[in-house]
């Protein structure tokens, strides 16, 4: 809910239309549902998963970039302070402030 509210405030109602699913248990959906989803239970676990996602584009299986920040669609450059090309990323610390 905090993420949806943040998107509404910063990007407007039009951005929420892209996330609308209108299901019984939720009005909006930010991420694709997956049977393999996991709860990010603590800071260390979250950081581990974020590092995994950032480094995934550099794996030999994909070979999409030499460094995580070089992959255009990764949030690695955002977290390294290089900006957000698409204007969509919200830092995890901002979400923590909303939920406090």
PDB file of N, CA and C in Angstrom:
ATOM      1  N   UNK A   1       0.824  -1.195   0.000  1.00  0.00           N
ATOM      2  CA  UNK A   1       0.000   0.000   0.000  1.00  0.00           C
ATOM      3  C   UNK A   1       0.863   1.252   0.000  1.00  0.00           C
ATOM      4  N   UNK A   2       1.966   1.207   0.720  1.00  0.00           N
ATOM      5  CA  UNK A   2       2.842   2.378   0.785  1.00  0.00           C
ATOM      6  C   UNK A   2       3.425   2.704  -0.581  1.00  0.00           C
ATOM      7  N   UNK A   3       3.796   1.691  -1.316  1.00  0.00           N
ATOM      8  CA  UNK A   3       4.367   1.901  -2.650  1.00  0.00           C
ATOM      9  C   UNK A   3       3.319   2.487  -3.593  1.00  0.00           C
ATOM     10  N   UNK A   4       2.113   1.978  -3.554  1.00  0.00           N
ATOM     11  CA  UNK A   4       1.034   2.492  -4.404  1.00  0.00           C
ATOM     12  C   UNK A   4       0.759   3.956  -4.060  1.00  0.00           C
ATOM     13  N   UNK A   5       0.714   4.281  -2.777  1.00  0.00           N
ATOM     14  CA  UNK A   5       0.484   5.662  -2.356  1.00  0.00           C
ATOM     15  C   UNK A   5       1.618   6.571  -2.819  1.00  0.00           C
ATOM     16  N   UNK A   6       2.842   6.105  -2.715  1.00  0.00           N
ATOM     17  CA  UNK A   6       4.009   6.881  -3.165  1.00  0.00           C
ATOM     18  C   UNK A   6       3.929   7.138  -4.675  1.00  0.00           C
ATOM     19  N   UNK A   7       3.565   6.133  -5.445  1.00  0.00           N
ATOM     20  CA  UNK A   7       3.425   6.290  -6.891  1.00  0.00           C
ATOM     21  C   UNK A   7       2.324   7.302  -7.205  1.00  0.00           C
ATOM     22  N   UNK A   8       1.213   7.208  -6.487  1.00  0.00           N
ATOM     23  CA  UNK A   8       0.090   8.129  -6.696  1.00  0.00           C
ATOM     24  C   UNK A   8       0.515   9.574  -6.436  1.00  0.00           C
ATOM     25  N   UNK A   9       1.249   9.787  -5.354  1.00  0.00           N
ATOM     26  CA  UNK A   9       1.692  11.136  -4.992  1.00  0.00           C
ATOM     27  C   UNK A   9       2.710  11.669  -6.003  1.00  0.00           C
ATOM     28  N   UNK A  10       3.695  10.844  -6.349  1.00  0.00           N
ATOM     29  CA  UNK A  10       4.794  11.319  -7.194  1.00  0.00           C
ATOM     30  C   UNK A  10       4.505  11.260  -8.691  1.00  0.00           C
ATOM     31  N   UNK A  11       3.717  10.284  -9.135  1.00  0.00           N
ATOM     32  CA  UNK A  11       3.506  10.088 -10.570  1.00  0.00           C
ATOM     33  C   UNK A  11       2.083  10.397 -11.028  1.00  0.00           C
ATOM     34  N   UNK A  12       1.148  10.458 -10.077  1.00  0.00           N
ATOM     35  CA  UNK A  12      -0.228  10.794 -10.417  1.00  0.00           C
ATOM     36  C   UNK A  12      -1.106   9.580 -10.673  1.00  0.00           C
ATOM     37  N   UNK A  13      -2.397   9.853 -10.809  1.00  0.00           N
ATOM     38  CA  UNK A  13      -3.399   8.799 -11.014  1.00  0.00           C
ATOM     39  C   UNK A  13      -3.150   8.002 -12.285  1.00  0.00           C
ATOM     40  N   UNK A  14      -2.639   8.651 -13.335  1.00  0.00           N
ATOM     41  CA  UNK A  14      -2.402   7.963 -14.610  1.00  0.00           C
ATOM     42  C   UNK A  14      -1.418   6.811 -14.438  1.00  0.00           C
ATOM     43  N   UNK A  15      -0.429   7.000 -13.589  1.00  0.00           N
ATOM     44  CA  UNK A  15       0.547   5.932 -13.347  1.00  0.00           C
ATOM     45  C   UNK A  15      -0.112   4.737 -12.667  1.00  0.00           C
ATOM     46  N   UNK A  16      -1.083   5.006 -11.804  1.00  0.00           N
ATOM     47  CA  UNK A  16      -1.779   3.919 -11.126  1.00  0.00           C
ATOM     48  C   UNK A  16      -2.633   3.097 -12.086  1.00  0.00           C
ATOM     49  N   UNK A  17      -3.134   3.723 -13.128  1.00  0.00           N
ATOM     50  CA  UNK A  17      -3.938   2.992 -14.115  1.00  0.00           C
ATOM     51  C   UNK A  17      -3.154   1.839 -14.728  1.00  0.00           C
ATOM     52  N   UNK A  18      -1.841   2.014 -14.864  1.00  0.00           N
ATOM     53  CA  UNK A  18      -0.996   0.959 -15.421  1.00  0.00           C
ATOM     54  C   UNK A  18      -0.882  -0.239 -14.475  1.00  0.00           C
ATOM     55  N   UNK A  19      -1.132  -0.003 -13.191  1.00  0.00           N
ATOM     56  CA  UNK A  19      -1.004  -1.046 -12.175  1.00  0.00           C
ATOM     57  C   UNK A  19      -2.343  -1.659 -11.772  1.00  0.00           C
ATOM     58  N   UNK A  20      -3.434  -1.139 -12.308  1.00  0.00           N
ATOM     59  CA  UNK A  20      -4.770  -1.571 -11.895  1.00  0.00           C
ATOM     60  C   UNK A  20      -5.046  -3.016 -12.312  1.00  0.00           C
ATOM     61  N   UNK A  21      -5.490  -3.843 -11.347  1.00  0.00           N
ATOM     62  CA  UNK A  21      -5.891  -5.223 -11.634  1.00  0.00           C
ATOM     63  C   UNK A  21      -7.315  -5.503 -11.157  1.00  0.00           C
ATOM     64  N   UNK A  22      -7.805  -4.732 -10.186  1.00  0.00           N
ATOM     65  CA  UNK A  22      -9.181  -4.846  -9.719  1.00  0.00           C
ATOM     66  C   UNK A  22      -9.594  -6.228  -9.241  1.00  0.00           C
ATOM     67  N   UNK A  23      -8.717  -6.912  -8.545  1.00  0.00           N
ATOM     68  CA  UNK A  23      -9.025  -8.237  -8.018  1.00  0.00           C
ATOM     69  C   UNK A  23      -9.686  -8.125  -6.646  1.00  0.00           C
ATOM     70  N   UNK A  24     -10.231  -9.227  -6.145  1.00  0.00           N
ATOM     71  CA  UNK A  24     -10.918  -9.223  -4.849  1.00  0.00           C
ATOM     72  C   UNK A  24     -10.007  -8.787  -3.715  1.00  0.00           C
ATOM     73  N   UNK A  25      -8.750  -9.238  -3.742  1.00  0.00           N
ATOM     74  CA  UNK A  25      -7.852  -8.968  -2.616  1.00  0.00           C
ATOM     75  C   UNK A  25      -6.958  -7.750  -2.816  1.00  0.00           C
ATOM     76  N   UNK A  26      -6.991  -7.125  -3.991  1.00  0.00           N
ATOM     77  CA  UNK A  26      -6.168  -5.935  -4.222  1.00  0.00           C
ATOM     78  C   UNK A  26      -6.666  -5.184  -5.454  1.00  0.00           C
ATOM     79  N   UNK A  27      -6.491  -3.894  -5.395  1.00  0.00           N
ATOM     80  CA  UNK A  27      -6.894  -3.033  -6.501  1.00  0.00           C
ATOM     81  C   UNK A  27      -5.752  -2.857  -7.502  1.00  0.00           C
ATOM     82  N   UNK A  28      -4.511  -2.780  -6.975  1.00  0.00           N
ATOM     83  CA  UNK A  28      -3.331  -2.567  -7.811  1.00  0.00           C
ATOM     84  C   UNK A  28      -2.318  -3.678  -7.581  1.00  0.00           C
ATOM     85  N   UNK A  29      -1.503  -3.917  -8.577  1.00  0.00           N
ATOM     86  CA  UNK A  29      -0.436  -4.911  -8.455  1.00  0.00           C
ATOM     87  C   UNK A  29       0.821  -4.336  -9.094  1.00  0.00           C
ATOM     88  N   UNK A  30       1.883  -4.213  -8.297  1.00  0.00           N
ATOM     89  CA  UNK A  30       3.130  -3.618  -8.773  1.00  0.00           C
ATOM     90  C   UNK A  30       4.008  -4.673  -9.427  1.00  0.00           C
ATOM     91  N   UNK A  31       4.142  -5.837  -8.789  1.00  0.00           N
ATOM     92  CA  UNK A  31       4.980  -6.902  -9.318  1.00  0.00           C
ATOM     93  C   UNK A  31       4.125  -8.044  -9.825  1.00  0.00           C
ATOM     94  N   UNK A  32       4.646  -8.769 -10.787  1.00  0.00           N
ATOM     95  CA  UNK A  32       3.966  -9.949 -11.292  1.00  0.00           C
ATOM     96  C   UNK A  32       3.936 -10.995 -10.184  1.00  0.00           C
ATOM     97  N   UNK A  33       2.786 -11.597  -9.973  1.00  0.00           N
ATOM     98  CA  UNK A  33       2.663 -12.635  -8.950  1.00  0.00           C
ATOM     99  C   UNK A  33       3.380 -13.881  -9.418  1.00  0.00           C
ATOM    100  N   UNK A  34       3.967 -14.561  -8.464  1.00  0.00           N
ATOM    101  CA  UNK A  34       4.790 -15.706  -8.791  1.00  0.00           C
ATOM    102  C   UNK A  34       4.709 -16.693  -7.636  1.00  0.00           C
ATOM    103  N   UNK A  35       4.574 -17.948  -7.953  1.00  0.00           N
ATOM    104  CA  UNK A  35       4.493 -18.963  -6.905  1.00  0.00           C
ATOM    105  C   UNK A  35       5.811 -19.095  -6.138  1.00  0.00           C
ATOM    106  N   UNK A  36       6.870 -18.539  -6.672  1.00  0.00           N
ATOM    107  CA  UNK A  36       8.170 -18.622  -6.005  1.00  0.00           C
ATOM    108  C   UNK A  36       8.505 -17.331  -5.263  1.00  0.00           C
ATOM    109  N   UNK A  37       7.525 -16.470  -5.022  1.00  0.00           N
ATOM    110  CA  UNK A  37       7.790 -15.220  -4.330  1.00  0.00           C
ATOM    111  C   UNK A  37       8.196 -15.498  -2.883  1.00  0.00           C
ATOM    112  N   UNK A  38       8.969 -14.574  -2.329  1.00  0.00           N
ATOM    113  CA  UNK A  38       9.459 -14.716  -0.958  1.00  0.00           C
ATOM    114  C   UNK A  38       9.260 -13.410  -0.208  1.00  0.00           C
ATOM    115  N   UNK A  39       9.066 -13.487   1.089  1.00  0.00           N
ATOM    116  CA  UNK A  39       8.991 -12.296   1.917  1.00  0.00           C
ATOM    117  C   UNK A  39      10.402 -11.811   2.210  1.00  0.00           C
ATOM    118  N   UNK A  40      10.604 -10.509   2.126  1.00  0.00           N
ATOM    119  CA  UNK A  40      11.900  -9.918   2.450  1.00  0.00           C
ATOM    120  C   UNK A  40      11.877  -9.594   3.941  1.00  0.00           C
ATOM    121  N   UNK A  41      12.325 -10.564   4.729  1.00  0.00           N
ATOM    122  CA  UNK A  41      12.079 -10.550   6.163  1.00  0.00           C
ATOM    123  C   UNK A  41      12.977  -9.643   6.989  1.00  0.00           C
ATOM    124  N   UNK A  42      14.144  -9.324   6.481  1.00  0.00           N
ATOM    125  CA  UNK A  42      15.011  -8.418   7.233  1.00  0.00           C
ATOM    126  C   UNK A  42      15.979  -7.721   6.272  1.00  0.00           C
ATOM    127  N   UNK A  43      16.690  -6.749   6.776  1.00  0.00           N
ATOM    128  CA  UNK A  43      17.589  -5.925   5.952  1.00  0.00           C
ATOM    129  C   UNK A  43      18.669  -6.755   5.267  1.00  0.00           C
ATOM    130  N   UNK A  44      19.284  -7.684   5.977  1.00  0.00           N
ATOM    131  CA  UNK A  44      20.343  -8.509   5.407  1.00  0.00           C
ATOM    132  C   UNK A  44      19.816  -9.367   4.253  1.00  0.00           C
ATOM    133  N   UNK A  45      18.651  -9.952   4.452  1.00  0.00           N
ATOM    134  CA  UNK A  45      18.032 -10.787   3.429  1.00  0.00           C
ATOM    135  C   UNK A  45      17.648  -9.950   2.208  1.00  0.00           C
ATOM    136  N   UNK A  46      17.085  -8.763   2.450  1.00  0.00           N
ATOM    137  CA  UNK A  46      16.739  -7.856   1.349  1.00  0.00           C
ATOM    138  C   UNK A  46      17.976  -7.487   0.543  1.00  0.00           C
ATOM    139  N   UNK A  47      19.048  -7.123   1.232  1.00  0.00           N
ATOM    140  CA  UNK A  47      20.295  -6.730   0.557  1.00  0.00           C
ATOM    141  C   UNK A  47      20.837  -7.892  -0.279  1.00  0.00           C
ATOM    142  N   UNK A  48      20.776  -9.095   0.263  1.00  0.00           N
ATOM    143  CA  UNK A  48      21.237 -10.273  -0.472  1.00  0.00           C
ATOM    144  C   UNK A  48      20.444 -10.430  -1.775  1.00  0.00           C
ATOM    145  N   UNK A  49      19.130 -10.289  -1.710  1.00  0.00           N
ATOM    146  CA  UNK A  49      18.283 -10.450  -2.890  1.00  0.00           C
ATOM    147  C   UNK A  49      18.484  -9.303  -3.879  1.00  0.00           C
ATOM    148  N   UNK A  50      18.669  -8.088  -3.367  1.00  0.00           N
ATOM    149  CA  UNK A  50      18.920  -6.947  -4.241  1.00  0.00           C
ATOM    150  C   UNK A  50      20.247  -7.120  -4.981  1.00  0.00           C
ATOM    151  N   UNK A  51      21.270  -7.551  -4.281  1.00  0.00           N
ATOM    152  CA  UNK A  51      22.569  -7.813  -4.924  1.00  0.00           C
ATOM    153  C   UNK A  51      22.442  -8.896  -5.991  1.00  0.00           C
ATOM    154  N   UNK A  52      21.674  -9.933  -5.689  1.00  0.00           N
ATOM    155  CA  UNK A  52      21.460 -11.007  -6.658  1.00  0.00           C
ATOM    156  C   UNK A  52      20.810 -10.463  -7.930  1.00  0.00           C
ATOM    157  N   UNK A  53      19.755  -9.677  -7.757  1.00  0.00           N
ATOM    158  CA  UNK A  53      19.047  -9.111  -8.907  1.00  0.00           C
ATOM    159  C   UNK A  53      19.977  -8.193  -9.699  1.00  0.00           C
ATOM    160  N   UNK A  54      20.735  -7.352  -9.003  1.00  0.00           N
ATOM    161  CA  UNK A  54      21.648  -6.438  -9.691  1.00  0.00           C
ATOM    162  C   UNK A  54      22.743  -7.172 -10.448  1.00  0.00           C
ATOM    163  N   UNK A  55      23.245  -8.251  -9.886  1.00  0.00           N
ATOM    164  CA  UNK A  55      24.343  -8.981 -10.524  1.00  0.00           C
ATOM    165  C   UNK A  55      23.885  -9.995 -11.568  1.00  0.00           C
ATOM    166  N   UNK A  56      22.604 -10.262 -11.620  1.00  0.00           N
ATOM    167  CA  UNK A  56      22.089 -11.268 -12.536  1.00  0.00           C
ATOM    168  C   UNK A  56      22.415 -10.960 -13.999  1.00  0.00           C
ATOM    169  N   UNK A  57      22.356  -9.691 -14.385  1.00  0.00           N
ATOM    170  CA  UNK A  57      22.631  -9.323 -15.784  1.00  0.00           C
ATOM    171  C   UNK A  57      24.082  -9.575 -16.181  1.00  0.00           C
ATOM    172  N   UNK A  58      24.948  -9.746 -15.202  1.00  0.00           N
ATOM    173  CA  UNK A  58      26.374  -9.971 -15.481  1.00  0.00           C
ATOM    174  C   UNK A  58      26.733 -11.454 -15.547  1.00  0.00           C
ATOM    175  N   UNK A  59      25.803 -12.312 -15.248  1.00  0.00           N
ATOM    176  CA  UNK A  59      26.070 -13.747 -15.247  1.00  0.00           C
ATOM    177  C   UNK A  59      26.367 -14.224 -16.662  1.00  0.00           C
ATOM    178  N   UNK A  60      27.245 -15.191 -16.782  1.00  0.00           N
ATOM    179  CA  UNK A  60      27.632 -15.706 -18.099  1.00  0.00           C
ATOM    180  C   UNK A  60      26.428 -16.263 -18.856  1.00  0.00           C
ATOM    181  N   UNK A  61      25.452 -16.731 -18.135  1.00  0.00           N
ATOM    182  CA  UNK A  61      24.241 -17.259 -18.778  1.00  0.00           C
ATOM    183  C   UNK A  61      23.535 -16.188 -19.611  1.00  0.00           C
ATOM    184  N   UNK A  62      23.549 -14.936 -19.112  1.00  0.00           N
ATOM    185  CA  UNK A  62      22.863 -13.833 -19.797  1.00  0.00           C
ATOM    186  C   UNK A  62      23.846 -12.928 -20.518  1.00  0.00           C
ATOM    187  N   UNK A  63      24.941 -12.616 -19.857  1.00  0.00           N
ATOM    188  CA  UNK A  63      25.982 -11.750 -20.421  1.00  0.00           C
ATOM    189  C   UNK A  63      25.400 -10.448 -20.993  1.00  0.00           C
ATOM    190  N   UNK A  64      24.580  -9.769 -20.201  1.00  0.00           N
ATOM    191  CA  UNK A  64      23.951  -8.531 -20.643  1.00  0.00           C
ATOM    192  C   UNK A  64      24.789  -7.299 -20.328  1.00  0.00           C
ATOM    193  N   UNK A  65      25.734  -7.448 -19.394  1.00  0.00           N
ATOM    194  CA  UNK A  65      26.575  -6.320 -19.009  1.00  0.00           C
ATOM    195  C   UNK A  65      27.819  -6.832 -18.291  1.00  0.00           C
ATOM    196  N   UNK A  66      28.857  -6.024 -18.317  1.00  0.00           N
ATOM    197  CA  UNK A  66      30.076  -6.343 -17.573  1.00  0.00           C
ATOM    198  C   UNK A  66      29.919  -5.992 -16.095  1.00  0.00           C
ATOM    199  N   UNK A  67      29.181  -4.922 -15.838  1.00  0.00           N
ATOM    200  CA  UNK A  67      28.962  -4.427 -14.469  1.00  0.00           C
ATOM    201  C   UNK A  67      27.460  -4.150 -14.319  1.00  0.00           C
ATOM    202  N   UNK A  68      26.890  -4.410 -13.154  1.00  0.00           N
ATOM    203  CA  UNK A  68      25.442  -4.209 -12.967  1.00  0.00           C
ATOM    204  C   UNK A  68      24.935  -2.825 -13.376  1.00  0.00           C
ATOM    205  N   UNK A  69      25.719  -1.786 -13.156  1.00  0.00           N
ATOM    206  CA  UNK A  69      25.255  -0.437 -13.511  1.00  0.00           C
ATOM    207  C   UNK A  69      25.220  -0.203 -15.023  1.00  0.00           C
ATOM    208  N   UNK A  70      25.832  -1.077 -15.786  1.00  0.00           N
ATOM    209  CA  UNK A  70      25.831  -0.932 -17.245  1.00  0.00           C
ATOM    210  C   UNK A  70      24.548  -1.469 -17.888  1.00  0.00           C
ATOM    211  N   UNK A  71      23.812  -2.282 -17.161  1.00  0.00           N
ATOM    212  CA  UNK A  71      22.575  -2.840 -17.719  1.00  0.00           C
ATOM    213  C   UNK A  71      21.465  -1.811 -17.569  1.00  0.00           C
ATOM    214  N   UNK A  72      20.946  -1.355 -18.673  1.00  0.00           N
ATOM    215  CA  UNK A  72      20.000  -0.243 -18.711  1.00  0.00           C
ATOM    216  C   UNK A  72      18.769  -0.451 -17.821  1.00  0.00           C
ATOM    217  N   UNK A  73      18.279  -1.656 -17.725  1.00  0.00           N
ATOM    218  CA  UNK A  73      17.020  -1.901 -17.019  1.00  0.00           C
ATOM    219  C   UNK A  73      17.217  -2.328 -15.562  1.00  0.00           C
ATOM    220  N   UNK A  74      18.421  -2.215 -15.063  1.00  0.00           N
ATOM    221  CA  UNK A  74      18.711  -2.566 -13.681  1.00  0.00           C
ATOM    222  C   UNK A  74      18.579  -1.334 -12.784  1.00  0.00           C
ATOM    223  N   UNK A  75      18.220  -1.556 -11.541  1.00  0.00           N
ATOM    224  CA  UNK A  75      18.200  -0.451 -10.578  1.00  0.00           C
ATOM    225  C   UNK A  75      19.578  -0.248  -9.939  1.00  0.00           C
ATOM    226  N   UNK A  76      20.559  -1.027 -10.344  1.00  0.00           N
ATOM    227  CA  UNK A  76      21.902  -0.910  -9.759  1.00  0.00           C
ATOM    228  C   UNK A  76      22.457   0.503  -9.910  1.00  0.00           C
ATOM    229  N   UNK A  77      22.270   1.111 -11.067  1.00  0.00           N
ATOM    230  CA  UNK A  77      22.790   2.466 -11.265  1.00  0.00           C
ATOM    231  C   UNK A  77      22.098   3.457 -10.334  1.00  0.00           C
ATOM    232  N   UNK A  78      20.816   3.260 -10.091  1.00  0.00           N
ATOM    233  CA  UNK A  78      20.086   4.126  -9.164  1.00  0.00           C
ATOM    234  C   UNK A  78      20.666   4.020  -7.758  1.00  0.00           C
ATOM    235  N   UNK A  79      20.863   2.782  -7.301  1.00  0.00           N
ATOM    236  CA  UNK A  79      21.393   2.583  -5.955  1.00  0.00           C
ATOM    237  C   UNK A  79      22.857   2.993  -5.837  1.00  0.00           C
ATOM    238  N   UNK A  80      23.546   3.110  -6.962  1.00  0.00           N
ATOM    239  CA  UNK A  80      24.925   3.611  -6.958  1.00  0.00           C
ATOM    240  C   UNK A  80      24.978   5.122  -7.140  1.00  0.00           C
ATOM    241  N   UNK A  81      23.822   5.775  -7.149  1.00  0.00           N
ATOM    242  CA  UNK A  81      23.763   7.232  -7.236  1.00  0.00           C
ATOM    243  C   UNK A  81      23.883   7.780  -8.651  1.00  0.00           C
ATOM    244  N   UNK A  82      23.647   6.942  -9.657  1.00  0.00           N
ATOM    245  CA  UNK A  82      23.795   7.385 -11.048  1.00  0.00           C
ATOM    246  C   UNK A  82      22.467   7.784 -11.692  1.00  0.00           C
ATOM    247  N   UNK A  83      21.407   7.817 -10.927  1.00  0.00           N
ATOM    248  CA  UNK A  83      20.125   8.279 -11.437  1.00  0.00           C
ATOM    249  C   UNK A  83      19.175   7.168 -11.833  1.00  0.00           C
ATOM    250  N   UNK A  84      17.992   7.601 -12.247  1.00  0.00           N
ATOM    251  CA  UNK A  84      16.911   6.697 -12.639  1.00  0.00           C
ATOM    252  C   UNK A  84      16.405   7.147 -14.000  1.00  0.00           C
ATOM    253  N   UNK A  85      16.909   6.541 -15.040  1.00  0.00           N
ATOM    254  CA  UNK A  85      16.588   6.928 -16.412  1.00  0.00           C
ATOM    255  C   UNK A  85      15.089   6.980 -16.692  1.00  0.00           C
ATOM    256  N   UNK A  86      14.340   6.077 -16.108  1.00  0.00           N
ATOM    257  CA  UNK A  86      12.914   5.969 -16.409  1.00  0.00           C
ATOM    258  C   UNK A  86      12.020   6.704 -15.410  1.00  0.00           C
ATOM    259  N   UNK A  87      12.594   7.173 -14.296  1.00  0.00           N
ATOM    260  CA  UNK A  87      11.810   7.896 -13.301  1.00  0.00           C
ATOM    261  C   UNK A  87      10.820   7.036 -12.543  1.00  0.00           C
ATOM    262  N   UNK A  88      11.140   5.749 -12.368  1.00  0.00           N
ATOM    263  CA  UNK A  88      10.207   4.823 -11.732  1.00  0.00           C
ATOM    264  C   UNK A  88      10.669   4.280 -10.383  1.00  0.00           C
ATOM    265  N   UNK A  89      11.935   4.410 -10.080  1.00  0.00           N
ATOM    266  CA  UNK A  89      12.488   3.739  -8.900  1.00  0.00           C
ATOM    267  C   UNK A  89      12.235   4.547  -7.638  1.00  0.00           C
ATOM    268  N   UNK A  90      11.854   3.846  -6.600  1.00  0.00           N
ATOM    269  CA  UNK A  90      11.710   4.431  -5.273  1.00  0.00           C
ATOM    270  C   UNK A  90      12.684   3.689  -4.369  1.00  0.00           C
ATOM    271  N   UNK A  91      13.532   4.424  -3.705  1.00  0.00           N
ATOM    272  CA  UNK A  91      14.537   3.807  -2.835  1.00  0.00           C
ATOM    273  C   UNK A  91      13.858   3.114  -1.662  1.00  0.00           C
ATOM    274  N   UNK A  92      14.378   1.985  -1.296  1.00  0.00           N
ATOM    275  CA  UNK A  92      13.813   1.205  -0.200  1.00  0.00           C
ATOM    276  C   UNK A  92      13.744   2.029   1.096  1.00  0.00           C
ATOM    277  N   UNK A  93      14.670   2.934   1.306  1.00  0.00           N
ATOM    278  CA  UNK A  93      14.653   3.770   2.510  1.00  0.00           C
ATOM    279  C   UNK A  93      13.430   4.695   2.525  1.00  0.00           C
ATOM    280  N   UNK A  94      12.996   5.143   1.350  1.00  0.00           N
ATOM    281  CA  UNK A  94      11.799   5.993   1.277  1.00  0.00           C
ATOM    282  C   UNK A  94      10.553   5.203   1.673  1.00  0.00           C
ATOM    283  N   UNK A  95      10.494   3.950   1.285  1.00  0.00           N
ATOM    284  CA  UNK A  95       9.359   3.106   1.658  1.00  0.00           C
ATOM    285  C   UNK A  95       9.350   2.842   3.154  1.00  0.00           C
ATOM    286  N   UNK A  96      10.532   2.669   3.713  1.00  0.00           N
ATOM    287  CA  UNK A  96      10.627   2.417   5.157  1.00  0.00           C
ATOM    288  C   UNK A  96      10.076   3.620   5.931  1.00  0.00           C
ATOM    289  N   UNK A  97      10.344   4.832   5.453  1.00  0.00           N
ATOM    290  CA  UNK A  97       9.852   6.046   6.114  1.00  0.00           C
ATOM    291  C   UNK A  97       8.325   6.114   6.066  1.00  0.00           C
ATOM    292  N   UNK A  98       7.747   5.689   4.966  1.00  0.00           N
ATOM    293  CA  UNK A  98       6.293   5.728   4.810  1.00  0.00           C
ATOM    294  C   UNK A  98       5.636   4.747   5.781  1.00  0.00           C
ATOM    295  N   UNK A  99       6.236   3.577   5.940  1.00  0.00           N
ATOM    296  CA  UNK A  99       5.658   2.529   6.781  1.00  0.00           C
ATOM    297  C   UNK A  99       5.878   2.774   8.265  1.00  0.00           C
ATOM    298  N   UNK A 100       6.734   3.713   8.633  1.00  0.00           N
ATOM    299  CA  UNK A 100       7.042   3.971  10.061  1.00  0.00           C
ATOM    300  C   UNK A 100       5.960   4.758  10.720  1.00  0.00           C
TER     301      UNK A 100
END
